[in-house]
Amino acid sequence: QVNVFGFGADSRGNWHHYWENNRYAGEFRKTGVHDADFEARIIDMLAKSSKIEVFRGN
């Protein structure tokens, strides 16, 4: 069993860890260096298939 904590998009759609206070977190989305949309789809797919359980931050 794997539990994943703290991943998700903020109110502006920027994907980062909820504990990060990083004003540049959305830069990965803009540059394509880190494909946050692909990562979100994979995490969602794994959660829906009960491979992981995601606990989203506030």
Protein backbone atom coordinates (compact mmCIF):
# COMPACT_ATOMS: atom_id res chain seq x y z
CA GLN A 1 0.00 0.00 0.00
CA VAL A 2 1.22 3.47 -0.88
CA ASN A 3 -0.22 6.67 0.55
CA VAL A 4 0.63 9.91 -1.23
CA PHE A 5 0.44 13.14 0.74
CA GLY A 6 0.55 16.73 -0.38
CA PHE A 7 0.22 16.75 -4.15
CA GLY A 8 -2.23 18.90 -6.04
CA ALA A 9 -2.93 22.10 -7.85
CA ASP A 10 -3.24 25.37 -5.99
CA SER A 11 -6.01 27.91 -6.59
CA ARG A 12 -4.23 29.14 -9.75
CA GLY A 13 -3.81 25.63 -11.18
CA ASN A 14 -0.11 25.39 -10.34
CA TRP A 15 0.92 21.88 -9.35
CA HIS A 16 3.20 21.64 -6.36
CA HIS A 17 3.53 20.19 -2.88
CA TYR A 18 1.19 21.81 -0.39
CA TRP A 19 4.02 22.44 2.06
CA GLU A 20 6.02 24.47 -0.45
CA ASN A 21 5.83 28.21 -0.18
CA ASN A 22 7.39 28.67 -3.59
CA ARG A 23 6.19 31.53 -5.77
CA TYR A 24 7.84 29.90 -8.81
CA ALA A 25 6.03 26.56 -8.47
CA GLY A 26 4.01 27.26 -11.64
CA GLU A 27 7.11 27.79 -13.76
CA PHE A 28 7.35 24.05 -14.42
CA ARG A 29 3.93 24.16 -16.09
CA LYS A 30 4.96 27.09 -18.29
CA THR A 31 8.34 25.71 -19.40
CA GLY A 32 7.33 22.10 -19.94
CA VAL A 33 10.35 20.95 -17.93
CA HIS A 34 7.96 19.15 -15.62
CA ASP A 35 4.73 17.94 -17.21
CA ALA A 36 2.40 18.54 -14.27
CA ASP A 37 -0.71 17.64 -16.27
CA PHE A 38 0.73 14.23 -17.18
CA GLU A 39 1.78 13.64 -13.58
CA ALA A 40 -1.70 14.59 -12.35
CA ARG A 41 -3.32 12.16 -14.82
CA ILE A 42 -1.05 9.30 -13.72
CA ILE A 43 -1.68 9.98 -10.03
CA ASP A 44 -5.44 10.19 -10.70
CA MET A 45 -5.36 6.92 -12.67
CA LEU A 46 -3.44 5.16 -9.89
CA ALA A 47 -5.85 6.48 -7.27
CA LYS A 48 -8.92 5.42 -9.26
CA SER A 49 -7.50 1.92 -9.66
CA SER A 50 -6.81 1.79 -5.88
CA LYS A 51 -3.05 1.50 -6.41
CA ILE A 52 -2.41 4.60 -4.31
CA GLU A 53 -4.44 6.71 -1.93
CA VAL A 54 -4.03 10.47 -2.22
CA PHE A 55 -4.47 12.75 0.78
CA ARG A 56 -4.72 16.26 -0.62
CA GLY A 57 -3.60 19.27 1.40
CA ASN A 58 -5.79 22.27 2.09
